[in-house]
Each structure stands twice: as C-alpha cells, then as structure tokens.
Amino acid sequence: MAGISFIGSYSGIDKGTIDKLMEAERMPLVNLTNKKTGITAKQNAWKDINTRLNTLFEKLKVLQNSDTFTAKKATSSNENIVSMTTSKDAVPGIYNIHVEQLASSASVISGEISLAEGNINKELGIEGAFTIGNADGISFDIAIEEGDTLKTIAAKVNDASNDTGISATIINSRLVLTDSTTGKRDITLTDGVGGNGTLAQLGLSDTASVKEGTNALFTVNGVEVERNTNTVDDAIEHVTINLSNVHSAGQYETVNVELDTEKLTKAVQEFVDQYNSTMTFIEGKLAAGDPEVPGSAGALSGDSSLMRLHSSLRSLVTSTLNNENSSISDISQIGVSTVDRYGKLEFDATKLTEALSKDPQNVMDFFTSNNVDGKDIGFASRLNSYVDSFVSNSNGIIKIKTEGLDRTLKDLAKQIETFNARMVKKEAYYIKMFSALDVAMMKAESQMDWLAGQINAMNTKAK
C-alpha cells in the first residue's frame, strides 16, 4: 500500500485544492511567458525588416552600377539570318547586313564500305595505316589492325581529334571526317609508309566525296567582310555578329544597336516594388491596433527606431536632391511619384525613357555620381547609406537591437527556469504540509474516540 496518498481524507484539502493553490502561485510565470512571447515577436519582426531592407539595399546597388545605364541592345529584322550581341561600349547605330555565304567546315565522306551483315562492329580484315592532317599542318598517324572494325577506326580518329580537330562519325556504312574549325580549309589524307592502299580499302581515296571548308562572306553597310567563322567579333568594335543563314541577291537585314532602356526601367520598377513592400511591412509592425482587441497592435508598435526608419526612408525618397552633376533634382522627374498620403510609390516608365533619350548621362548622374571630393552624392548612394546604417553586420541598428533582445530572452529563460524549480519545491511543500495535517487530524480523531469510550465506561459503572 506504500505510495498511495490519502491526502484530504480528514482535512478535506485534496490534490485539487493544492492544484488551485499552485495555479495562484504560478501567476507570475504567465507574466514572464507573455513577456518572452512579446520579445520573441519583436526579435522576429526586426529580422524580417532586416531581410526586406537588405533586398532594398541590393535593388539600390543595381542603380549604382554604371552597366545598368550604359547597357546596349541589338535588334535584328530577322534573328534567324543575322543577329548581334553587344557590350556596353558599343556605339549606337543602324547596320544593314547582307550574308552571301556562311563559313563551313571541311569534310571527307568515304565511299560505302562493305560490311558483313551491315554491322559496324564486324572485323574488316584491313591492316595498314594512314595519316590525317588539318590545314594548320598538324597531322596524326592512324594505325589499322586486322581485327579493327569500322567503329574502332572511327574511335581512333576521334582519339586524335584533340590534336587534329578532326572528328569521325559513321553514317550509312560510310566514314565521315569533319574539321571542327570552319573556314577555307581542307583535310589531308595520305597512305602510310609503303602506300599499302589503306585509304582505298576504307573508301577514302577515289570514291570519297571531298568538301573544302568555306569562309563567311557578308557586307555591313556596303563594306565587304570575309571571315573564317560565322561568329564575327572584330568587324565592328564591341559588337559580335552572328551569321545563321544566307540572303538572296539584293536582300539584307537591318540591325539596330541602341541604349537598352529596359534594363534601367526594370531596375527602377524593382526598386519601387521593394520600397512599397518594405514600407507596408513596417507600417504593419508599427500599427497601434484596437485597444479593445488583444494582440491587434503591431509587434513593434511605438518603437522609436522603427518610426525614425519609416519617416526617414519616405523623406529620402521624395525629397529634393542637391546634385551638382545632374539637372534632375528629385525622382518624380523620371517617373517615380507618391500616389497616396501614406507615401506609396508609383512608376511611370515613359518619363524615364524620355529622360534617357534626351540625356542618359544626366539620368545616371542623378542616381550615382561623385562630387569634387570624390563622394558619391547620387540618389541611390544617399538612400543606401541610410539603409546600411540599419542592416550593417558590424554596427547596424538592427544588429544592436536583436542582440539586446536576445540577451533579454536569455535572462527571461533563466528566470522561468528558476521560477519553475521553485514551484516544484512549493508544490512538494504543500503536499507534505497537508499530508501532515491529515495525519494529525486522524490521530486526534482516534484519541477523541478513545476518550469518549473511557467516559462512557465510567458513566456505566456509576449507575
């Protein structure tokens, strides 16, 4: 029967009563837990804000990159015939290109080789050698053994292709040799020492079809150009011309090289979207909420640092910029303006495109340019410097905030641990105390019963 508790059997103070006492004792724990939950919410909110600000920081860095403003694009009237790729240094212009001939590779197609059952893995019974060479004077000796098959001979040619640049394939019982380099070139084949007729047995002599490689022939704005490749990067400075097909006589394609305004337009739109998203998120965390609705307030409601961030971001984006290098004084002049009293931004890309068409350098200088002291005084730099004061991994405000909250959480965790340990002892004390009370009351009842029995016995004798 050991271990069975009869607590409350005499005193009426049972385990349920002790649980109610402990519930009252644990009231401070509720406050500690609620405080921990609130601080955790604040810490998570700052982490989310840091992530959003970092994204905004990266969007602004794109607007500080000169490539965003100087990128060029090339548009062809028919990309299937001729196209261009450009670097940021390409000079804008219009190019009329007529393609007369594409560059091609030299090749040799053997005559049909007699194969047993048409099987390329059957031994040919040929023994000898031949030398294969390219137009650069590089050659390689191919030794043929009696047990070789058409497939193993092709493999030997391919093994030497790192040196010769000539590869071999098998098509319809024919050995096809192809030079990997295009242009006016040829493939040379000679029998091995002794002229043992190896080439003839492989159909690579009189019965072979030989095709010489050709150079690309085309004109650019009437200027004739000849190159040994269809990818020409030295005809127009900072431009690569890609030839894919030929024209009929008198035909040509027009390729327009111009400033790639889409790259900057996309960068500004992404900045506006991220700014709006970040500001909306901050406003949610600052919300006062409804006093009648518990938990409706934002996690950082009333936080002075976040309120300062919110107002400063809005001011930096919409205020006038004193930039000695650009006539653009605020971002609304290139299409970014507020649409409501909350400061939400809207972007009209046509205004930016118009400004770029007039003076692209003026637009770039607005976003990023240095003063006489070498300091970047552009819009993007000014805003990014402020954002960096919050997100910096070394001494950013958010880092300091989250570290302080983390220390508070650790302190609260220790308080909760200590409190819980004290509650365990307190509950054990109540159980012990009320168990002792039950024992005492049981003994008192027993003594009262004995005393009543003695008195009854004495009364009986007296009668």
Protein backbone atom coordinates (compact mmCIF):
# COMPACT_ATOMS: atom_id res chain seq x y z
CA MET A 1 0.00 0.00 0.00
CA ALA A 2 3.03 2.27 0.14
CA GLY A 3 2.85 5.17 -2.30
CA ILE A 4 -0.96 5.51 -2.06
CA SER A 5 -1.93 9.02 -0.98
CA PHE A 6 -4.94 9.65 1.26
CA ILE A 7 -4.39 13.41 1.25
CA GLY A 8 -7.56 15.30 2.13
CA SER A 9 -9.35 12.30 3.64
CA TYR A 10 -9.56 14.09 7.03
CA SER A 11 -8.76 17.75 6.30
CA GLY A 12 -10.76 17.97 3.07
CA ILE A 13 -7.74 19.64 1.41
CA ASP A 14 -7.13 17.27 -1.51
CA LYS A 15 -4.90 17.38 -4.62
CA GLY A 16 -7.43 19.55 -6.46
CA THR A 17 -7.16 22.17 -3.73
CA ILE A 18 -3.37 22.08 -3.97
CA ASP A 19 -3.58 22.48 -7.75
CA LYS A 20 -5.65 25.63 -7.27
CA LEU A 21 -3.10 26.97 -4.82
CA MET A 22 -0.31 26.25 -7.30
CA GLU A 23 -2.25 27.95 -10.06
CA ALA A 24 -2.27 31.12 -7.98
CA GLU A 25 1.42 30.68 -7.17
CA ARG A 26 2.23 30.38 -10.89
CA MET A 27 0.61 33.67 -11.89
CA PRO A 28 3.99 35.43 -12.19
CA LEU A 29 5.05 32.71 -14.66
CA VAL A 30 2.23 33.74 -17.00
CA ASN A 31 3.59 37.27 -16.99
CA LEU A 32 7.12 36.02 -17.70
CA THR A 33 5.91 33.78 -20.54
CA ASN A 34 3.87 36.59 -22.09
CA LYS A 35 6.87 38.88 -21.86
CA LYS A 36 9.02 36.25 -23.57
CA THR A 37 6.45 35.81 -26.34
CA GLY A 38 6.32 39.57 -26.92
CA ILE A 39 10.09 39.94 -27.08
CA THR A 40 10.38 36.97 -29.45
CA ALA A 41 7.80 38.63 -31.70
CA LYS A 42 9.84 41.86 -31.65
CA GLN A 43 13.04 39.99 -32.47
CA ASN A 44 11.41 38.15 -35.37
CA ALA A 45 9.90 41.40 -36.65
CA TRP A 46 13.33 43.08 -36.70
CA LYS A 47 14.80 40.08 -38.51
CA ASP A 48 12.06 40.30 -41.15
CA ILE A 49 12.66 44.04 -41.53
CA ASN A 50 16.39 43.38 -41.90
CA THR A 51 15.70 40.89 -44.70
CA ARG A 52 13.48 43.37 -46.54
CA LEU A 53 15.96 46.21 -46.11
CA ASN A 54 18.77 44.00 -47.40
CA THR A 55 16.72 43.29 -50.51
CA LEU A 56 16.08 47.02 -50.93
CA PHE A 57 19.82 47.58 -50.47
CA GLU A 58 20.58 45.17 -53.33
CA LYS A 59 17.99 46.82 -55.61
CA LEU A 60 19.66 50.18 -54.97
CA LYS A 61 23.10 48.73 -55.74
CA VAL A 62 21.87 47.91 -59.24
CA LEU A 63 21.06 51.62 -59.63
CA GLN A 64 24.62 52.44 -58.58
CA ASN A 65 26.11 50.19 -61.27
CA SER A 66 27.08 52.08 -64.44
CA ASP A 67 26.30 48.99 -66.55
CA THR A 68 22.62 49.49 -65.72
CA PHE A 69 22.69 52.84 -67.53
CA THR A 70 25.11 52.11 -70.38
CA ALA A 71 23.92 48.66 -71.48
CA LYS A 72 23.24 48.37 -75.20
CA LYS A 73 20.97 46.03 -77.12
CA ALA A 74 20.83 44.96 -80.75
CA THR A 75 17.57 44.27 -82.56
CA SER A 76 17.60 42.45 -85.91
CA SER A 77 14.87 42.45 -88.52
CA ASN A 78 15.39 38.67 -88.77
CA GLU A 79 17.28 36.90 -85.99
CA ASN A 80 17.16 33.65 -87.97
CA ILE A 81 19.55 35.09 -90.54
CA VAL A 82 21.73 37.55 -88.65
CA SER A 83 21.86 38.81 -85.08
CA MET A 84 24.21 40.82 -82.88
CA THR A 85 25.36 40.78 -79.28
CA THR A 86 26.79 43.97 -77.82
CA SER A 87 28.80 45.22 -74.88
CA LYS A 88 28.04 48.44 -73.00
CA ASP A 89 30.77 50.19 -75.02
CA ALA A 90 29.15 49.56 -78.41
CA VAL A 91 28.35 52.67 -80.42
CA PRO A 92 24.63 53.03 -81.21
CA GLY A 93 23.90 52.77 -84.92
CA ILE A 94 21.95 51.07 -87.71
CA TYR A 95 23.65 48.33 -89.73
CA ASN A 96 22.41 46.79 -92.99
CA ILE A 97 23.91 43.32 -93.35
CA HIS A 98 23.78 41.09 -96.44
CA VAL A 99 25.01 37.48 -95.96
CA GLU A 100 26.34 35.98 -99.17
CA GLN A 101 27.98 32.83 -97.79
CA LEU A 102 28.31 31.13 -94.41
CA ALA A 103 31.54 29.73 -93.07
CA SER A 104 31.57 25.93 -93.24
CA SER A 105 33.82 23.07 -92.19
CA ALA A 106 35.88 20.86 -94.49
CA SER A 107 34.76 17.25 -94.66
CA VAL A 108 35.55 13.95 -96.35
CA ILE A 109 32.87 11.30 -96.89
CA SER A 110 34.13 7.84 -97.74
CA GLY A 111 32.63 5.60 -100.33
CA GLU A 112 30.30 2.92 -99.00
CA ILE A 113 32.28 0.32 -97.06
CA SER A 114 31.34 -3.31 -97.41
CA LEU A 115 30.25 -4.54 -94.01
CA ALA A 116 29.31 -8.10 -93.14
CA GLU A 117 25.59 -8.01 -92.42
CA GLY A 118 25.91 -4.20 -92.30
CA ASN A 119 27.41 -4.50 -88.83
CA ILE A 120 29.89 -1.72 -87.93
CA ASN A 121 31.26 -3.97 -85.18
CA LYS A 122 32.38 -6.71 -87.59
CA GLU A 123 36.11 -7.01 -88.28
CA LEU A 124 37.17 -5.51 -91.63
CA GLY A 125 40.33 -7.55 -92.03
CA ILE A 126 42.30 -4.46 -93.09
CA GLU A 127 45.85 -3.95 -91.92
CA GLY A 128 47.86 -0.80 -92.61
CA ALA A 129 47.99 2.88 -91.70
CA PHE A 130 47.12 6.34 -92.92
CA THR A 131 47.90 9.91 -91.88
CA ILE A 132 45.21 12.51 -91.26
CA GLY A 133 46.09 16.23 -91.23
CA ASN A 134 44.42 19.64 -90.95
CA ALA A 135 45.03 22.97 -92.69
CA ASP A 136 47.28 24.11 -89.82
CA GLY A 137 49.86 21.44 -90.69
CA ILE A 138 49.02 19.23 -87.71
CA SER A 139 48.82 15.53 -88.62
CA PHE A 140 48.37 12.21 -86.86
CA ASP A 141 49.14 8.61 -87.90
CA ILE A 142 46.26 6.15 -87.61
CA ALA A 143 47.33 2.52 -87.40
CA ILE A 144 44.81 -0.05 -88.67
CA GLU A 145 44.97 -3.64 -87.38
CA GLU A 146 43.39 -6.69 -88.91
CA GLY A 147 40.90 -7.02 -86.06
CA ASP A 148 39.70 -3.42 -86.36
CA THR A 149 36.07 -2.64 -87.16
CA LEU A 150 34.61 0.49 -88.73
CA LYS A 151 33.61 1.58 -85.21
CA THR A 152 37.12 1.16 -83.74
CA ILE A 153 38.70 3.01 -86.68
CA ALA A 154 36.31 5.95 -86.09
CA ALA A 155 37.26 5.85 -82.40
CA LYS A 156 40.98 6.05 -83.29
CA VAL A 157 40.35 9.15 -85.42
CA ASN A 158 38.37 10.72 -82.58
CA ASP A 159 41.12 9.91 -80.07
CA ALA A 160 43.44 12.05 -82.20
CA SER A 161 40.90 14.90 -82.57
CA ASN A 162 42.37 16.83 -79.63
CA ASP A 163 45.45 17.30 -81.85
CA THR A 164 43.93 17.50 -85.31
CA GLY A 165 40.47 18.94 -84.58
CA ILE A 166 39.06 16.36 -86.99
CA SER A 167 36.30 14.02 -85.82
CA ALA A 168 34.83 10.86 -87.35
CA THR A 169 31.25 9.61 -87.50
CA ILE A 170 29.65 6.64 -89.23
CA ILE A 171 26.65 7.34 -91.49
CA ASN A 172 25.07 4.62 -93.59
CA SER A 173 28.24 2.45 -93.81
CA ARG A 174 30.37 5.49 -94.62
CA LEU A 175 33.14 7.09 -92.59
CA VAL A 176 32.60 10.87 -92.38
CA LEU A 177 35.53 13.06 -91.33
CA THR A 178 34.77 16.65 -90.29
CA ASP A 179 37.05 19.55 -89.33
CA SER A 180 35.86 21.30 -86.14
CA THR A 181 37.25 24.63 -87.40
CA THR A 182 35.28 26.47 -90.04
CA GLY A 183 36.79 28.49 -92.86
CA LYS A 184 38.63 27.98 -96.13
CA ARG A 185 40.46 24.80 -95.11
CA ASP A 186 40.87 21.19 -96.18
CA ILE A 187 41.57 17.76 -94.71
CA THR A 188 44.61 15.86 -95.99
CA LEU A 189 44.75 12.06 -96.08
CA THR A 190 47.81 10.02 -97.10
CA ASP A 191 48.53 6.33 -97.03
CA GLY A 192 51.07 5.06 -94.57
CA VAL A 193 54.65 4.15 -95.45
CA GLY A 194 54.74 1.85 -98.46
CA GLY A 195 51.45 3.04 -99.95
CA ASN A 196 49.57 -0.08 -98.90
CA GLY A 197 46.21 1.16 -100.14
CA THR A 198 44.63 1.52 -96.71
CA LEU A 199 42.69 4.64 -97.77
CA ALA A 200 41.29 2.89 -100.84
CA GLN A 201 40.11 -0.05 -98.73
CA LEU A 202 38.32 2.44 -96.45
CA GLY A 203 36.76 4.26 -99.38
CA LEU A 204 38.77 7.40 -98.62
CA SER A 205 40.56 7.74 -101.95
CA ASP A 206 38.95 7.94 -105.39
CA THR A 207 35.43 7.11 -104.19
CA ALA A 208 35.46 9.70 -101.40
CA SER A 209 33.47 12.92 -101.54
CA VAL A 210 35.70 15.82 -100.54
CA LYS A 211 34.29 19.18 -99.45
CA GLU A 212 36.55 22.14 -98.79
CA GLY A 213 35.64 24.50 -95.99
CA THR A 214 34.43 28.00 -96.86
CA ASN A 215 34.80 31.45 -95.34
CA ALA A 216 31.84 33.61 -94.38
CA LEU A 217 31.22 36.39 -96.92
CA PHE A 218 28.98 39.30 -95.97
CA THR A 219 28.67 43.07 -96.20
CA VAL A 220 28.00 45.62 -93.46
CA ASN A 221 26.59 48.90 -94.76
CA GLY A 222 28.15 48.06 -98.13
CA VAL A 223 31.60 47.14 -96.75
CA GLU A 224 32.69 43.62 -97.76
CA VAL A 225 33.84 41.35 -94.93
CA GLU A 226 35.35 37.86 -95.11
CA ARG A 227 35.98 35.73 -92.01
CA ASN A 228 36.60 32.05 -91.29
CA THR A 229 33.77 31.87 -88.73
CA ASN A 230 30.07 32.70 -88.51
CA THR A 231 30.61 34.43 -85.18
CA VAL A 232 32.47 37.62 -86.03
CA ASP A 233 33.68 39.82 -83.18
CA ASP A 234 36.22 42.00 -84.96
CA ALA A 235 34.28 43.67 -87.76
CA ILE A 236 32.51 46.27 -85.58
CA GLU A 237 34.08 47.37 -82.29
CA HIS A 238 32.37 45.96 -79.15
CA VAL A 239 29.86 44.05 -81.32
CA THR A 240 29.65 40.34 -82.19
CA ILE A 241 27.86 39.47 -85.44
CA ASN A 242 26.19 36.05 -85.55
CA LEU A 243 25.51 34.68 -89.04
CA SER A 244 22.89 31.92 -89.31
CA ASN A 245 21.69 31.88 -92.92
CA VAL A 246 22.28 33.44 -96.35
CA HIS A 247 20.34 36.06 -98.27
CA SER A 248 19.09 36.08 -101.81
CA ALA A 249 20.64 38.69 -104.07
CA GLY A 250 19.65 42.23 -103.07
CA GLN A 251 18.27 41.25 -99.67
CA TYR A 252 19.65 42.30 -96.28
CA GLU A 253 18.74 42.55 -92.61
CA THR A 254 18.74 45.73 -90.54
CA VAL A 255 20.24 45.55 -87.06
CA ASN A 256 19.71 48.47 -84.71
CA VAL A 257 22.19 48.96 -81.85
CA GLU A 258 20.78 51.27 -79.18
CA LEU A 259 20.70 52.02 -75.47
CA ASP A 260 18.99 49.22 -73.51
CA THR A 261 16.44 51.29 -71.60
CA GLU A 262 14.62 48.14 -70.46
CA LYS A 263 17.46 47.24 -68.10
CA LEU A 264 17.18 50.55 -66.21
CA THR A 265 13.38 50.53 -66.37
CA LYS A 266 13.33 47.08 -64.80
CA ALA A 267 15.81 48.15 -62.11
CA VAL A 268 13.73 51.21 -61.14
CA GLN A 269 10.49 49.19 -61.12
CA GLU A 270 12.06 46.55 -58.86
CA PHE A 271 13.28 49.30 -56.50
CA VAL A 272 9.78 50.84 -56.35
CA ASP A 273 8.15 47.45 -55.70
CA GLN A 274 10.60 46.58 -52.94
CA TYR A 275 10.30 50.03 -51.34
CA ASN A 276 6.49 49.77 -51.26
CA SER A 277 6.65 46.24 -49.86
CA THR A 278 9.13 47.24 -47.15
CA MET A 279 7.17 50.34 -46.10
CA THR A 280 3.88 48.41 -45.94
CA PHE A 281 5.51 45.76 -43.76
CA ILE A 282 6.97 48.42 -41.42
CA GLU A 283 3.60 50.12 -41.13
CA GLY A 284 2.04 46.81 -40.09
CA LYS A 285 4.64 46.33 -37.35
CA LEU A 286 4.07 49.93 -36.13
CA ALA A 287 0.27 49.64 -36.10
CA ALA A 288 -1.34 50.81 -32.83
CA GLY A 289 -4.17 48.31 -33.18
CA ASP A 290 -7.52 48.39 -31.41
CA PRO A 291 -7.32 48.64 -27.58
CA GLU A 292 -10.46 46.52 -27.41
CA VAL A 293 -8.87 43.72 -29.44
CA PRO A 294 -5.97 41.93 -27.70
CA GLY A 295 -2.99 41.26 -29.99
CA SER A 296 -4.14 43.67 -32.71
CA ALA A 297 -1.16 46.01 -32.24
CA GLY A 298 1.98 45.53 -34.30
CA ALA A 299 4.92 43.76 -32.69
CA LEU A 300 6.97 46.98 -32.76
CA SER A 301 4.19 49.46 -32.09
CA GLY A 302 5.67 52.68 -30.69
CA ASP A 303 9.29 51.65 -31.37
CA SER A 304 11.14 54.94 -31.91
CA SER A 305 13.91 53.42 -34.07
CA LEU A 306 11.42 51.88 -36.48
CA MET A 307 9.35 55.08 -36.59
CA ARG A 308 12.50 57.01 -37.46
CA LEU A 309 13.39 54.48 -40.18
CA HIS A 310 9.93 54.75 -41.71
CA SER A 311 9.86 58.56 -41.80
CA SER A 312 13.48 58.86 -42.98
CA LEU A 313 13.03 56.42 -45.87
CA ARG A 314 9.99 58.34 -47.08
CA SER A 315 11.82 61.66 -46.77
CA LEU A 316 14.96 60.43 -48.54
CA VAL A 317 12.97 59.04 -51.47
CA THR A 318 10.68 62.02 -52.02
CA SER A 319 12.85 64.98 -51.04
CA THR A 320 14.85 67.20 -53.40
CA LEU A 321 18.40 66.10 -54.12
CA ASN A 322 21.19 68.66 -54.32
CA ASN A 323 23.32 67.07 -57.02
CA GLU A 324 25.77 69.33 -58.82
CA ASN A 325 26.21 66.79 -61.64
CA SER A 326 22.57 66.38 -62.71
CA SER A 327 19.73 68.73 -63.56
CA ILE A 328 17.29 66.15 -62.15
CA SER A 329 16.50 67.28 -58.59
CA ASP A 330 14.04 64.60 -57.47
CA ILE A 331 12.92 61.17 -58.56
CA SER A 332 9.48 62.35 -59.67
CA GLN A 333 11.13 63.93 -62.72
CA ILE A 334 11.94 60.45 -64.04
CA GLY A 335 8.54 58.94 -63.32
CA VAL A 336 8.56 57.88 -59.65
CA SER A 337 5.92 59.67 -57.56
CA THR A 338 3.72 59.15 -54.49
CA VAL A 339 0.08 58.16 -55.05
CA ASP A 340 -1.44 58.47 -51.57
CA ARG A 341 -0.93 60.08 -48.17
CA TYR A 342 0.94 57.01 -46.98
CA GLY A 343 3.73 57.65 -49.48
CA LYS A 344 3.22 54.63 -51.72
CA LEU A 345 5.28 54.97 -54.90
CA GLU A 346 4.16 54.58 -58.49
CA PHE A 347 6.43 54.36 -61.56
CA ASP A 348 5.68 55.86 -64.97
CA ALA A 349 8.33 54.30 -67.25
CA THR A 350 7.60 56.69 -70.13
CA LYS A 351 9.06 59.64 -68.20
CA LEU A 352 12.25 57.71 -67.56
CA THR A 353 12.52 56.67 -71.22
CA GLU A 354 12.05 60.28 -72.31
CA ALA A 355 14.77 61.46 -69.93
CA LEU A 356 17.12 58.77 -71.22
CA SER A 357 16.51 59.67 -74.83
CA LYS A 358 17.43 63.30 -74.06
CA ASP A 359 20.49 62.75 -71.88
CA PRO A 360 21.32 59.29 -70.48
CA GLN A 361 24.37 60.65 -68.62
CA ASN A 362 22.17 63.13 -66.78
CA VAL A 363 19.95 60.27 -65.58
CA MET A 364 22.92 58.17 -64.49
CA ASP A 365 24.43 61.14 -62.62
CA PHE A 366 21.16 61.56 -60.70
CA PHE A 367 21.36 58.00 -59.39
CA THR A 368 25.13 57.75 -58.91
CA SER A 369 27.85 60.41 -59.32
CA ASN A 370 30.72 61.87 -57.32
CA ASN A 371 31.25 65.43 -56.20
CA VAL A 372 34.60 67.26 -56.35
CA ASP A 373 35.68 65.50 -53.15
CA GLY A 374 35.05 62.07 -54.67
CA LYS A 375 31.96 61.37 -52.55
CA ASP A 376 29.01 59.68 -54.22
CA ILE A 377 26.14 62.16 -53.94
CA GLY A 378 23.62 60.28 -56.11
CA PHE A 379 20.10 59.28 -55.11
CA ALA A 380 20.91 55.57 -54.80
CA SER A 381 24.04 56.15 -52.71
CA ARG A 382 22.29 58.53 -50.30
CA LEU A 383 19.46 56.08 -49.69
CA ASN A 384 21.73 53.05 -49.48
CA SER A 385 23.99 54.73 -46.91
CA TYR A 386 20.99 55.21 -44.64
CA VAL A 387 19.74 51.65 -45.19
CA ASP A 388 23.23 50.35 -44.44
CA SER A 389 23.17 52.09 -41.04
CA PHE A 390 20.37 49.68 -40.14
CA VAL A 391 21.48 46.44 -41.85
CA SER A 392 25.26 46.59 -41.38
CA ASN A 393 26.63 43.33 -39.93
CA SER A 394 29.21 45.22 -37.88
CA ASN A 395 27.35 48.02 -36.13
CA GLY A 396 23.90 48.25 -37.74
CA ILE A 397 20.96 49.39 -35.63
CA ILE A 398 19.05 46.16 -36.27
CA LYS A 399 22.04 44.06 -35.19
CA ILE A 400 22.28 46.03 -31.94
CA LYS A 401 18.51 45.75 -31.41
CA THR A 402 18.34 41.98 -31.99
CA GLU A 403 21.38 41.31 -29.82
CA GLY A 404 19.79 43.29 -26.96
CA LEU A 405 16.54 41.37 -27.36
CA ASP A 406 18.48 38.10 -27.42
CA ARG A 407 20.14 38.94 -24.11
CA THR A 408 16.72 39.74 -22.61
CA LEU A 409 15.34 36.42 -23.86
CA LYS A 410 18.22 34.52 -22.29
CA ASP A 411 17.66 36.33 -18.99
CA LEU A 412 13.95 35.54 -19.10
CA ALA A 413 14.70 31.89 -19.83
CA LYS A 414 16.84 31.74 -16.68
CA GLN A 415 14.10 33.43 -14.63
CA ILE A 416 11.50 30.97 -15.92
CA GLU A 417 13.78 28.02 -15.15
CA THR A 418 14.43 29.29 -11.63
CA PHE A 419 10.73 30.00 -11.07
CA ASN A 420 9.69 26.53 -12.25
CA ALA A 421 12.22 24.91 -9.90
CA ARG A 422 10.80 26.97 -7.03
CA MET A 423 7.25 25.89 -7.94
CA VAL A 424 8.26 22.22 -7.81
CA LYS A 425 9.54 22.74 -4.28
CA LYS A 426 6.46 24.75 -3.34
CA GLU A 427 4.11 22.01 -4.51
CA ALA A 428 6.10 19.41 -2.60
CA TYR A 429 5.85 21.63 0.50
CA TYR A 430 2.05 21.90 0.22
CA ILE A 431 1.66 18.14 -0.23
CA LYS A 432 3.88 17.47 2.77
CA MET A 433 2.13 20.08 4.94
CA PHE A 434 -1.42 18.98 4.19
CA SER A 435 -0.49 15.29 4.43
CA ALA A 436 0.87 16.00 7.91
CA LEU A 437 -2.40 17.81 8.73
CA ASP A 438 -4.38 14.74 7.67
CA VAL A 439 -2.20 12.51 9.88
CA ALA A 440 -2.61 14.88 12.82
CA MET A 441 -6.38 15.01 12.40
CA MET A 442 -6.52 11.23 12.12
CA LYS A 443 -4.62 10.85 15.40
CA ALA A 444 -6.80 13.47 17.10
CA GLU A 445 -9.93 11.64 15.98
CA SER A 446 -8.56 8.38 17.30
CA GLN A 447 -7.76 9.96 20.66
CA MET A 448 -11.22 11.52 20.85
CA ASP A 449 -12.80 8.13 20.20
CA TRP A 450 -10.72 6.57 23.00
CA LEU A 451 -11.60 9.37 25.43
CA ALA A 452 -15.30 9.09 24.63
CA GLY A 453 -15.11 5.36 25.28
CA GLN A 454 -13.50 5.96 28.67
CA ILE A 455 -16.16 8.46 29.68
CA ASN A 456 -18.97 6.13 28.61
CA ALA A 457 -17.41 3.31 30.65
CA MET A 458 -17.18 5.48 33.75
CA ASN A 459 -20.80 6.59 33.42
CA THR A 460 -21.94 2.97 33.15
CA LYS A 461 -20.15 1.99 36.43
CA ALA A 462 -21.63 4.97 38.24
CA LYS A 463 -25.14 3.72 37.56
